[in-house]
Amino acid sequence: MKRKDEEFLIQELLRSQLVRGEISRRQFLQNMIMAGMGLGGVSVLASCGGSAPTAAPTQAPAAPATEAPAEGAASSSSGTRPLTPTFYQWINDLHPGIQAVNQAFGEVDYQIAPVAGFDVARFVAEGKNKQSTWDVYVGMTPFVEMASLIKADVIEPWDNYIPKEVLDDIIPSIREECTVDGKLYSWPFLLDIIVQSYNSAITTKAGLPDKPPADWDEYLANSKTVLDSGAARYGCTFDSNGWRSLCPITHSINTDVYYMLDGDPSGVPLYDFTNENAIQALEIMKQMLDLSSANALQPGATDGGVNQTPDEVAFAAQQVAYYIKYQNAPLRMAGTWTDPSALRLGALPKAKGGAGSTVFWTTGACLFKWGQNKEKAAEYMRSLTFNDQIWKDSIAGSASGKPGQLPPFLSVNEKLQKENPDWLQKETWVPLVFEQLKVAKAIPNHAFGLSQFQLGKPFWEKYLTGEEKDPKAAMQAAKDAVAAEVKKAG
């Protein structure tokens, strides 16, 4: 895809999000700038009503730090300041019901977190000074930054504050994901699972059956049919970040693809890039890339390159039929279509004779060790995660869009199934996604859970781009790069 095409698609997607109220005018300008289009979107903004701000900061200004507690002691559980939660911006944008919870809860100093691209440096810096501006951070993903925050002594377990009935209510596989050394460090909030989706209007035009491909051979064959028939510009697409593509595709073949560096059983379980199943997954990605857009490997336009990725832009623009990503991405992107009902979701394709697994993760809340109001923080998270409107808005959608993230608590899902409201009956994708949770595997949560894929990406991508002809050599280089960093970190 040419650069002008990319700019047009991104601009159109951002414009539609602005018109529907999913993003603010300031966020529209921020995203246009971060996408490299400067103030080219001012005319689009003006056409939507209102005027452009004179300046667009890259993130909300951070609140001043609280006074450091006494040496060696954490802040009081009942501080003098209001409860101060901080949220990752995207959670705020996609879940408007949070503001209703805030109003009902009482005095809450709600703030947007100073993070981008999973960077939690501000939290760590404050922790070193035994202080925290905030009480709880909603936006932590266990395999991404949890281990680092624990090691930096920034967060503490929820065990002393979460009611036992709530702890026992967490779906068992999710509770395991959020637990380290027997203690719960993440209060799970939003559940995502890597699945497949497709635009049935395109597949029907290509003469294909209206059902998700069962295995990768069928998936690739169908994608080629779409391309050859001219039903769409591209047959399939995927998110090039390894935890969203390489790893879940590997899990669909086999989940036994982790190893301990130097055979040390006390080490951390690393993804084995040289495992035959991982190499098979890379070869599937190579075939997918041949049927996808030329820019599929480029970083995203927002949030440090991890969001507003090329796959989202192509799917939103109805230029591609089949799509691999967590369920909330196609649900959100289909909201821009002429006919959103053309969206279909299904299980991630499996390799013939393979495990048929995938990857899941939750985005949840961590409790700052040096924060205050810890009991209130637990009360607040309970109010948030058991709020009916939150889940209706997430599953069925609201004026802000349709995030499609699911509740990680047994009782919430049991209540939904028992009551079976009209809005839930229309969302036939929900049981399909939950069915995938039964076989999905979380990426082990350690300091290199996420970064191993970031470190390895430049090396395995050489095979995808054709710079390296041997997939085994590309994956060995990726494995060596990760091992070197792990050893350097001790």
Protein backbone atom coordinates (compact mmCIF):
# COMPACT_ATOMS: atom_id res chain seq x y z
CA MET A 1 0.00 0.00 0.00
CA LYS A 2 1.35 3.44 -0.89
CA ARG A 3 1.98 5.96 1.86
CA LYS A 4 -0.87 8.21 0.66
CA ASP A 5 -3.24 5.26 0.81
CA GLU A 6 -2.18 4.53 4.37
CA GLU A 7 -2.68 8.17 5.39
CA PHE A 8 -6.13 8.23 3.82
CA LEU A 9 -7.24 5.02 5.55
CA ILE A 10 -5.94 6.15 8.95
CA GLN A 11 -7.51 9.58 8.50
CA GLU A 12 -10.85 8.04 7.55
CA LEU A 13 -10.78 5.67 10.53
CA LEU A 14 -9.91 8.49 12.96
CA ARG A 15 -12.56 10.72 11.41
CA SER A 16 -15.24 8.06 11.86
CA GLN A 17 -14.17 7.51 15.47
CA LEU A 18 -14.43 11.25 16.09
CA VAL A 19 -17.87 11.51 14.50
CA ARG A 20 -19.16 8.61 16.62
CA GLY A 21 -17.71 10.16 19.76
CA GLU A 22 -15.19 7.35 20.38
CA ILE A 23 -12.32 9.83 20.62
CA SER A 24 -12.14 13.48 21.61
CA ARG A 25 -11.06 16.30 19.32
CA ARG A 26 -7.75 16.48 21.15
CA GLN A 27 -7.20 12.75 20.75
CA PHE A 28 -8.03 13.05 17.04
CA LEU A 29 -5.29 15.64 16.59
CA GLN A 30 -2.84 13.68 18.73
CA ASN A 31 -3.37 10.54 16.67
CA MET A 32 -3.05 12.43 13.38
CA ILE A 33 0.25 13.87 14.52
CA MET A 34 1.54 10.52 15.81
CA ALA A 35 0.55 8.94 12.49
CA GLY A 36 2.86 11.37 10.74
CA MET A 37 0.14 13.50 9.15
CA GLY A 38 0.82 16.64 11.13
CA LEU A 39 -2.10 19.04 11.16
CA GLY A 40 -3.50 17.66 7.91
CA GLY A 41 -6.57 16.56 9.79
CA VAL A 42 -7.56 20.05 10.91
CA SER A 43 -9.86 20.44 7.90
CA VAL A 44 -11.46 17.09 8.71
CA LEU A 45 -11.87 18.15 12.32
CA ALA A 46 -13.47 21.41 11.28
CA SER A 47 -15.93 19.55 9.07
CA CYS A 48 -17.06 17.59 12.13
CA GLY A 49 -17.79 20.74 14.08
CA GLY A 50 -15.68 22.66 16.59
CA SER A 51 -12.15 23.92 16.19
CA ALA A 52 -8.74 22.39 16.61
CA PRO A 53 -6.88 23.02 19.87
CA THR A 54 -3.81 25.20 19.69
CA ALA A 55 -1.63 22.43 21.08
CA ALA A 56 -1.94 18.68 21.52
CA PRO A 57 0.22 17.20 24.30
CA THR A 58 1.25 13.59 23.85
CA GLN A 59 -0.22 12.57 27.19
CA ALA A 60 -2.21 14.01 30.05
CA PRO A 61 -0.07 16.00 32.47
CA ALA A 62 0.90 13.96 35.48
CA ALA A 63 -0.40 14.94 38.87
CA PRO A 64 2.14 16.12 41.43
CA ALA A 65 3.68 13.38 43.52
CA THR A 66 2.47 12.80 47.03
CA GLU A 67 4.72 13.36 49.98
CA ALA A 68 7.00 10.39 50.54
CA PRO A 69 6.09 8.20 53.52
CA ALA A 70 8.48 7.43 56.31
CA GLU A 71 11.54 5.39 55.37
CA GLY A 72 10.80 1.68 55.14
CA ALA A 73 7.03 2.02 55.52
CA ALA A 74 4.30 1.91 52.90
CA SER A 75 1.66 4.60 52.75
CA SER A 76 -1.36 4.31 54.99
CA SER A 77 -4.27 2.21 53.77
CA SER A 78 -6.61 5.06 54.63
CA GLY A 79 -4.89 8.16 53.29
CA THR A 80 -6.00 11.76 53.57
CA ARG A 81 -6.37 12.22 49.81
CA PRO A 82 -9.33 10.93 47.76
CA LEU A 83 -9.05 7.52 46.16
CA THR A 84 -6.81 8.12 43.14
CA PRO A 85 -7.05 5.53 40.39
CA THR A 86 -5.17 5.97 37.12
CA PHE A 87 -6.24 4.31 33.87
CA TYR A 88 -4.52 3.52 30.59
CA GLN A 89 -6.06 5.96 28.09
CA TRP A 90 -7.50 3.27 25.79
CA ILE A 91 -9.49 1.71 28.64
CA ASN A 92 -11.04 5.08 29.41
CA ASP A 93 -11.86 5.65 25.73
CA LEU A 94 -13.49 2.27 25.15
CA HIS A 95 -15.45 1.93 28.41
CA PRO A 96 -17.54 5.06 29.11
CA GLY A 97 -19.37 3.29 31.93
CA ILE A 98 -16.31 3.81 34.12
CA GLN A 99 -17.38 7.43 34.67
CA ALA A 100 -20.76 6.29 36.00
CA VAL A 101 -18.98 4.00 38.47
CA ASN A 102 -16.83 6.93 39.57
CA GLN A 103 -19.85 9.12 40.20
CA ALA A 104 -21.66 6.42 42.16
CA PHE A 105 -18.60 5.50 44.20
CA GLY A 106 -18.12 8.95 45.69
CA GLU A 107 -14.98 11.05 45.93
CA VAL A 108 -12.62 9.75 43.24
CA ASP A 109 -9.67 11.64 41.77
CA TYR A 110 -9.75 9.84 38.42
CA GLN A 111 -6.65 10.29 36.24
CA ILE A 112 -5.20 9.09 32.95
CA ALA A 113 -1.93 7.20 33.42
CA PRO A 114 1.35 8.66 32.13
CA VAL A 115 2.07 5.52 30.09
CA ALA A 116 2.48 4.79 26.39
CA GLY A 117 3.47 1.54 24.77
CA PHE A 118 3.53 -0.27 28.16
CA ASP A 119 6.11 2.17 29.57
CA VAL A 120 5.73 2.27 33.37
CA ALA A 121 8.92 4.24 34.08
CA ARG A 122 7.03 6.91 36.04
CA PHE A 123 5.61 4.30 38.41
CA VAL A 124 9.04 2.78 39.00
CA ALA A 125 10.69 6.17 39.54
CA GLU A 126 8.15 7.10 42.20
CA GLY A 127 8.46 3.69 43.84
CA LYS A 128 12.20 4.16 44.27
CA ASN A 129 11.38 7.21 46.36
CA LYS A 130 8.80 5.21 48.34
CA GLN A 131 5.91 7.27 47.06
CA SER A 132 3.08 7.07 44.60
CA THR A 133 0.83 9.70 43.10
CA TRP A 134 -1.84 7.05 42.60
CA ASP A 135 -3.46 4.23 44.58
CA VAL A 136 -4.28 1.79 41.80
CA TYR A 137 -3.37 1.47 38.13
CA VAL A 138 -5.91 -0.08 35.76
CA GLY A 139 -4.08 -1.14 32.61
CA MET A 140 -1.56 -3.78 33.69
CA THR A 141 -1.27 -7.02 31.71
CA PRO A 142 0.32 -9.90 33.66
CA PHE A 143 2.80 -11.10 31.02
CA VAL A 144 3.77 -7.54 30.06
CA GLU A 145 4.85 -5.44 33.03
CA MET A 146 3.69 -7.21 36.20
CA ALA A 147 6.95 -9.04 36.97
CA SER A 148 8.97 -5.86 36.49
CA LEU A 149 6.72 -3.88 38.83
CA ILE A 150 6.98 -6.62 41.46
CA LYS A 151 10.77 -6.73 41.15
CA ALA A 152 10.98 -2.94 41.43
CA ASP A 153 8.94 -3.13 44.66
CA VAL A 154 6.32 -0.84 43.19
CA ILE A 155 3.20 -2.97 43.70
CA GLU A 156 1.93 -5.36 46.37
CA PRO A 157 -0.51 -8.30 46.29
CA TRP A 158 -4.23 -7.79 46.58
CA ASP A 159 -4.57 -10.71 49.02
CA ASN A 160 -4.92 -8.55 52.14
CA TYR A 161 -7.68 -6.46 50.57
CA ILE A 162 -9.66 -8.52 48.05
CA PRO A 163 -12.65 -10.34 49.62
CA LYS A 164 -12.27 -14.11 49.56
CA GLU A 165 -15.53 -14.58 47.68
CA VAL A 166 -14.23 -12.27 44.94
CA LEU A 167 -10.88 -14.05 44.80
CA ASP A 168 -12.60 -17.41 44.47
CA ASP A 169 -14.89 -15.99 41.78
CA ILE A 170 -12.06 -15.40 39.30
CA ILE A 171 -12.05 -17.90 36.42
CA PRO A 172 -9.35 -20.43 37.49
CA SER A 173 -7.06 -20.06 34.45
CA ILE A 174 -7.22 -16.27 34.81
CA ARG A 175 -6.50 -16.42 38.53
CA GLU A 176 -3.41 -18.48 37.73
CA GLU A 177 -2.34 -15.92 35.12
CA CYS A 178 -2.57 -13.10 37.69
CA THR A 179 -0.75 -14.96 40.47
CA VAL A 180 2.94 -15.00 41.40
CA ASP A 181 4.28 -17.13 44.26
CA GLY A 182 0.74 -17.84 45.40
CA LYS A 183 -0.28 -14.17 45.62
CA LEU A 184 -2.64 -12.20 43.38
CA TYR A 185 -0.85 -9.19 41.91
CA SER A 186 -3.39 -8.30 39.21
CA TRP A 187 -7.09 -7.77 39.83
CA PRO A 188 -8.38 -8.92 36.41
CA PHE A 189 -10.77 -6.62 34.61
CA LEU A 190 -10.86 -7.09 30.81
CA LEU A 191 -10.41 -10.41 29.00
CA ASP A 192 -8.99 -10.72 25.48
CA ILE A 193 -8.46 -13.90 23.44
CA ILE A 194 -6.80 -14.27 20.05
CA VAL A 195 -9.43 -15.49 17.58
CA GLN A 196 -10.13 -15.25 13.86
CA SER A 197 -12.71 -13.02 12.21
CA TYR A 198 -13.84 -12.29 8.69
CA ASN A 199 -15.98 -9.96 6.63
CA SER A 200 -18.81 -12.16 5.33
CA ALA A 201 -19.76 -9.60 2.66
CA ILE A 202 -16.32 -10.12 1.10
CA THR A 203 -16.22 -13.89 1.50
CA THR A 204 -19.70 -14.22 -0.01
CA LYS A 205 -18.62 -12.08 -2.95
CA ALA A 206 -15.67 -14.47 -3.38
CA GLY A 207 -18.04 -17.45 -3.44
CA LEU A 208 -16.84 -18.87 -0.13
CA PRO A 209 -19.06 -20.52 2.52
CA ASP A 210 -20.13 -18.35 5.45
CA LYS A 211 -18.18 -20.24 8.09
CA PRO A 212 -14.76 -19.78 9.71
CA PRO A 213 -11.92 -21.88 8.27
CA ALA A 214 -11.20 -24.85 10.55
CA ASP A 215 -7.46 -25.10 9.93
CA TRP A 216 -4.61 -23.04 8.52
CA ASP A 217 -4.65 -24.78 5.13
CA GLU A 218 -8.28 -23.80 4.64
CA TYR A 219 -7.63 -20.30 6.01
CA LEU A 220 -4.82 -19.67 3.53
CA ALA A 221 -6.71 -21.25 0.63
CA ASN A 222 -9.78 -19.10 1.33
CA SER A 223 -7.61 -15.98 1.60
CA LYS A 224 -6.07 -16.72 -1.79
CA THR A 225 -9.53 -17.23 -3.29
CA VAL A 226 -10.53 -13.77 -2.05
CA LEU A 227 -7.44 -12.25 -3.61
CA ASP A 228 -7.74 -14.12 -6.91
CA SER A 229 -11.44 -13.33 -7.24
CA GLY A 230 -10.90 -9.63 -6.71
CA ALA A 231 -13.46 -9.61 -3.89
CA ALA A 232 -11.09 -7.53 -1.75
CA ARG A 233 -7.71 -5.91 -2.03
CA TYR A 234 -6.19 -8.40 0.43
CA GLY A 235 -7.02 -11.96 1.44
CA CYS A 236 -5.99 -11.87 5.11
CA THR A 237 -4.08 -9.82 7.66
CA PHE A 238 -2.60 -10.05 11.14
CA ASP A 239 -0.93 -7.94 13.83
CA SER A 240 2.84 -8.33 13.42
CA ASN A 241 3.58 -8.10 17.16
CA GLY A 242 4.65 -11.58 18.21
CA TRP A 243 2.38 -11.94 21.22
CA ARG A 244 -0.58 -11.25 18.92
CA SER A 245 0.43 -13.47 16.01
CA LEU A 246 3.53 -15.69 16.23
CA CYS A 247 2.76 -16.98 19.73
CA PRO A 248 -0.99 -17.71 19.32
CA ILE A 249 -0.40 -19.36 15.94
CA THR A 250 2.25 -21.51 17.64
CA HIS A 251 -0.22 -22.39 20.41
CA SER A 252 -2.70 -23.53 17.77
CA ILE A 253 -0.10 -26.16 16.85
CA ASN A 254 1.40 -26.94 20.27
CA THR A 255 1.58 -25.12 23.61
CA ASP A 256 4.70 -26.98 24.78
CA VAL A 257 7.06 -24.42 23.24
CA TYR A 258 8.78 -22.88 26.26
CA TYR A 259 12.21 -23.61 27.72
CA MET A 260 14.43 -22.66 30.64
CA LEU A 261 17.59 -20.85 29.63
CA ASP A 262 20.65 -23.09 30.02
CA GLY A 263 18.34 -25.78 31.41
CA ASP A 264 18.00 -23.94 34.72
CA PRO A 265 14.66 -25.06 36.27
CA SER A 266 14.67 -22.01 38.54
CA GLY A 267 14.76 -19.64 35.58
CA VAL A 268 11.90 -18.14 33.59
CA PRO A 269 10.07 -20.05 30.85
CA LEU A 270 11.05 -18.38 27.58
CA TYR A 271 9.36 -18.84 24.22
CA ASP A 272 11.56 -21.17 22.17
CA PHE A 273 11.85 -19.54 18.76
CA THR A 274 13.73 -22.58 17.43
CA ASN A 275 11.00 -25.05 18.39
CA GLU A 276 9.71 -26.79 15.26
CA ASN A 277 6.18 -25.64 16.04
CA ALA A 278 7.33 -22.01 16.35
CA ILE A 279 9.09 -22.28 12.98
CA GLN A 280 5.93 -23.75 11.46
CA ALA A 281 4.00 -20.76 12.85
CA LEU A 282 6.49 -18.38 11.24
CA GLU A 283 6.04 -20.12 7.90
CA ILE A 284 2.25 -19.69 8.23
CA MET A 285 2.83 -15.99 8.85
CA LYS A 286 5.00 -15.83 5.74
CA GLN A 287 2.15 -17.24 3.64
CA MET A 288 -0.30 -14.84 5.29
CA LEU A 289 1.97 -11.89 4.50
CA ASP A 290 1.96 -12.84 0.81
CA LEU A 291 -1.82 -12.41 0.90
CA SER A 292 -1.80 -9.26 3.02
CA SER A 293 -0.85 -5.62 2.60
CA ALA A 294 2.77 -4.68 2.01
CA ASN A 295 2.79 -2.53 5.16
CA ALA A 296 1.53 -5.30 7.48
CA LEU A 297 4.84 -5.42 9.36
CA GLN A 298 5.00 -1.71 10.08
CA PRO A 299 4.42 -0.44 13.65
CA GLY A 300 1.14 1.14 14.65
CA ALA A 301 0.43 4.83 14.37
CA THR A 302 -0.35 5.40 18.06
CA ASP A 303 0.69 4.44 21.59
CA GLY A 304 4.35 3.75 20.91
CA GLY A 305 3.58 1.71 17.79
CA VAL A 306 1.44 -0.98 19.46
CA ASN A 307 -2.00 0.40 18.51
CA GLN A 308 -3.71 1.69 15.36
CA THR A 309 -1.74 -1.00 13.52
CA PRO A 310 -1.97 -1.55 9.72
CA ASP A 311 -4.17 -4.64 10.17
CA GLU A 312 -6.79 -2.59 12.02
CA VAL A 313 -6.76 0.08 9.33
CA ALA A 314 -7.18 -2.46 6.52
CA PHE A 315 -9.99 -4.36 8.27
CA ALA A 316 -11.83 -1.15 9.17
CA ALA A 317 -11.58 -0.02 5.53
CA GLN A 318 -13.12 -3.35 4.37
CA GLN A 319 -10.08 -4.06 2.25
CA VAL A 320 -9.37 -7.51 3.68
CA ALA A 321 -11.47 -10.62 4.31
CA TYR A 322 -9.83 -12.69 7.07
CA TYR A 323 -8.22 -11.35 10.24
CA ILE A 324 -6.29 -12.74 13.23
CA LYS A 325 -6.32 -10.73 16.47
CA TYR A 326 -7.99 -10.47 19.89
CA GLN A 327 -11.75 -10.24 19.59
CA ASN A 328 -12.14 -6.59 20.52
CA ALA A 329 -10.16 -5.43 17.48
CA PRO A 330 -12.50 -6.72 14.73
CA LEU A 331 -15.54 -5.77 16.80
CA ARG A 332 -14.30 -2.19 17.02
CA MET A 333 -13.14 -2.00 13.41
CA ALA A 334 -16.44 -3.40 12.07
CA GLY A 335 -18.18 -0.46 13.70
CA THR A 336 -16.89 1.67 10.80
CA TRP A 337 -18.46 -0.59 8.13
CA THR A 338 -21.58 0.19 6.13
CA ASP A 339 -23.01 -3.06 7.50
CA PRO A 340 -21.37 -4.11 10.80
CA SER A 341 -23.55 -7.25 10.86
CA ALA A 342 -21.27 -8.71 8.17
CA LEU A 343 -18.66 -9.43 10.85
CA ARG A 344 -18.11 -13.05 11.84
CA LEU A 345 -15.90 -14.42 14.64
CA GLY A 346 -14.66 -17.93 15.22
CA ALA A 347 -11.97 -20.02 16.85
CA LEU A 348 -8.39 -19.52 15.79
CA PRO A 349 -7.66 -22.02 13.00
CA LYS A 350 -5.72 -25.06 14.14
CA ALA A 351 -2.98 -26.99 12.42
CA LYS A 352 -4.18 -30.39 11.27
CA GLY A 353 -3.57 -32.68 14.22
CA GLY A 354 -2.50 -29.69 16.32
CA ALA A 355 -3.46 -28.57 19.82
CA GLY A 356 -6.08 -26.07 18.68
CA SER A 357 -5.08 -23.64 21.44
CA THR A 358 -4.54 -19.89 21.34
CA VAL A 359 -3.39 -17.06 23.65
CA PHE A 360 -5.44 -15.14 26.21
CA TRP A 361 -4.61 -12.37 28.62
CA THR A 362 -6.39 -10.03 30.97
CA THR A 363 -5.83 -6.35 31.51
CA GLY A 364 -6.31 -5.58 35.17
CA ALA A 365 -5.37 -3.44 38.12
CA CYS A 366 -2.30 -3.36 40.30
CA LEU A 367 -2.14 -1.95 43.81
CA PHE A 368 0.69 0.52 44.43
CA LYS A 369 2.74 -0.40 47.49
CA TRP A 370 3.40 3.23 48.29
CA GLY A 371 -0.11 4.41 47.54
CA GLN A 372 -2.95 5.10 49.97
CA ASN A 373 -6.61 4.08 50.36
CA LYS A 374 -5.91 0.40 49.77
CA GLU A 375 -9.17 -0.87 51.22
CA LYS A 376 -11.03 1.70 49.14
CA ALA A 377 -9.05 0.62 46.08
CA ALA A 378 -10.39 -2.92 46.55
CA GLU A 379 -13.94 -1.58 47.02
CA TYR A 380 -13.54 0.48 43.87
CA MET A 381 -12.32 -2.46 41.78
CA ARG A 382 -15.19 -4.55 43.07
CA SER A 383 -17.64 -1.84 42.01
CA LEU A 384 -15.99 -1.63 38.61
CA THR A 385 -15.79 -5.32 37.80
CA PHE A 386 -19.30 -6.22 39.00
CA ASN A 387 -21.07 -3.31 37.32
CA ASP A 388 -23.73 -4.59 34.90
CA GLN A 389 -23.56 -1.54 32.65
CA ILE A 390 -19.81 -1.96 32.13
CA TRP A 391 -20.35 -5.40 30.62
CA LYS A 392 -23.40 -4.45 28.60
CA ASP A 393 -21.47 -1.56 27.05
CA SER A 394 -18.44 -3.75 26.43
CA ILE A 395 -20.29 -6.70 24.88
CA ALA A 396 -23.20 -5.01 23.08
CA GLY A 397 -21.53 -1.64 22.55
CA SER A 398 -22.37 1.96 23.38
CA ALA A 399 -22.03 5.37 21.80
CA SER A 400 -18.27 5.00 22.25
CA GLY A 401 -18.06 1.82 20.20
CA LYS A 402 -17.95 -1.88 20.90
CA PRO A 403 -14.83 -3.04 22.76
CA GLY A 404 -16.09 -6.62 23.14
CA GLN A 405 -13.92 -7.40 26.15
CA LEU A 406 -15.36 -10.05 28.44
CA PRO A 407 -15.68 -10.37 32.24
CA PRO A 408 -13.14 -12.63 33.97
CA PHE A 409 -15.43 -13.56 36.88
CA LEU A 410 -17.54 -16.72 37.08
CA SER A 411 -20.56 -15.14 38.76
CA VAL A 412 -20.79 -12.30 36.22
CA ASN A 413 -20.88 -14.78 33.35
CA GLU A 414 -23.32 -17.05 35.17
CA LYS A 415 -25.62 -14.09 35.77
CA LEU A 416 -25.48 -13.11 32.11
CA GLN A 417 -26.27 -16.65 31.01
CA LYS A 418 -29.14 -17.00 33.49
CA GLU A 419 -30.77 -13.68 32.66
CA ASN A 420 -29.92 -13.93 28.93
CA PRO A 421 -31.08 -10.38 28.12
CA ASP A 422 -32.11 -9.46 24.58
CA TRP A 423 -28.89 -7.56 23.92
CA LEU A 424 -26.80 -10.62 24.83
CA GLN A 425 -28.80 -12.97 22.61
CA LYS A 426 -27.77 -10.87 19.62
CA GLU A 427 -24.06 -11.25 20.43
CA THR A 428 -23.57 -14.80 19.16
CA TRP A 429 -19.80 -14.37 19.21
CA VAL A 430 -19.65 -14.39 23.03
CA PRO A 431 -19.95 -18.17 23.61
CA LEU A 432 -17.52 -18.78 20.72
CA VAL A 433 -14.85 -16.64 22.36
CA PHE A 434 -15.44 -18.12 25.81
CA GLU A 435 -15.11 -21.59 24.29
CA GLN A 436 -11.61 -20.60 23.18
CA LEU A 437 -10.70 -19.70 26.76
CA LYS A 438 -11.05 -23.39 27.69
CA VAL A 439 -8.09 -24.27 25.45
CA ALA A 440 -6.15 -20.98 25.50
CA LYS A 441 -2.85 -20.61 27.31
CA ALA A 442 -1.50 -17.42 28.87
CA ILE A 443 2.02 -16.27 28.07
CA PRO A 444 4.13 -16.83 31.24
CA ASN A 445 4.30 -13.64 33.29
CA HIS A 446 7.93 -12.69 33.86
CA ALA A 447 10.12 -9.71 33.06
CA PHE A 448 10.67 -10.94 29.49
CA GLY A 449 7.11 -12.10 28.83
CA LEU A 450 6.50 -9.27 26.37
CA SER A 451 10.01 -8.05 25.57
CA GLN A 452 11.15 -11.45 24.28
CA PHE A 453 8.86 -10.90 21.30
CA GLN A 454 10.00 -7.31 20.86
CA LEU A 455 13.66 -8.38 20.99
CA GLY A 456 13.16 -11.25 18.58
CA LYS A 457 10.98 -9.42 16.05
CA PRO A 458 13.76 -7.75 14.00
CA PHE A 459 15.37 -11.17 13.45
CA TRP A 460 12.37 -13.36 12.60
CA GLU A 461 11.01 -10.62 10.34
CA LYS A 462 14.06 -11.00 8.12
CA TYR A 463 12.53 -14.28 6.99
CA LEU A 464 9.15 -12.66 6.41
CA THR A 465 10.70 -9.90 4.29
CA GLY A 466 12.95 -12.30 2.37
CA GLU A 467 16.21 -10.88 3.72
CA GLU A 468 16.88 -14.27 5.36
CA LYS A 469 15.93 -17.33 3.31
CA ASP A 470 16.22 -19.87 6.12
CA PRO A 471 13.46 -19.68 8.79
CA LYS A 472 15.56 -21.72 11.22
CA ALA A 473 18.44 -19.25 10.96
CA ALA A 474 16.07 -16.32 11.51
CA MET A 475 14.54 -17.94 14.58
CA GLN A 476 17.93 -18.96 15.99
CA ALA A 477 19.03 -15.34 15.75
CA ALA A 478 15.86 -14.29 17.58
CA LYS A 479 16.44 -16.86 20.32
CA ASP A 480 20.08 -15.82 20.71
CA ALA A 481 19.14 -12.14 21.00
CA VAL A 482 16.65 -12.86 23.78
CA ALA A 483 19.04 -15.19 25.63
CA ALA A 484 21.74 -12.51 25.55
CA GLU A 485 19.43 -9.95 27.13
CA VAL A 486 18.20 -12.38 29.77
CA LYS A 487 21.79 -13.24 30.76
CA LYS A 488 22.71 -9.57 30.81
CA ALA A 489 19.82 -8.91 33.19
CA GLY A 490 21.02 -11.69 35.46
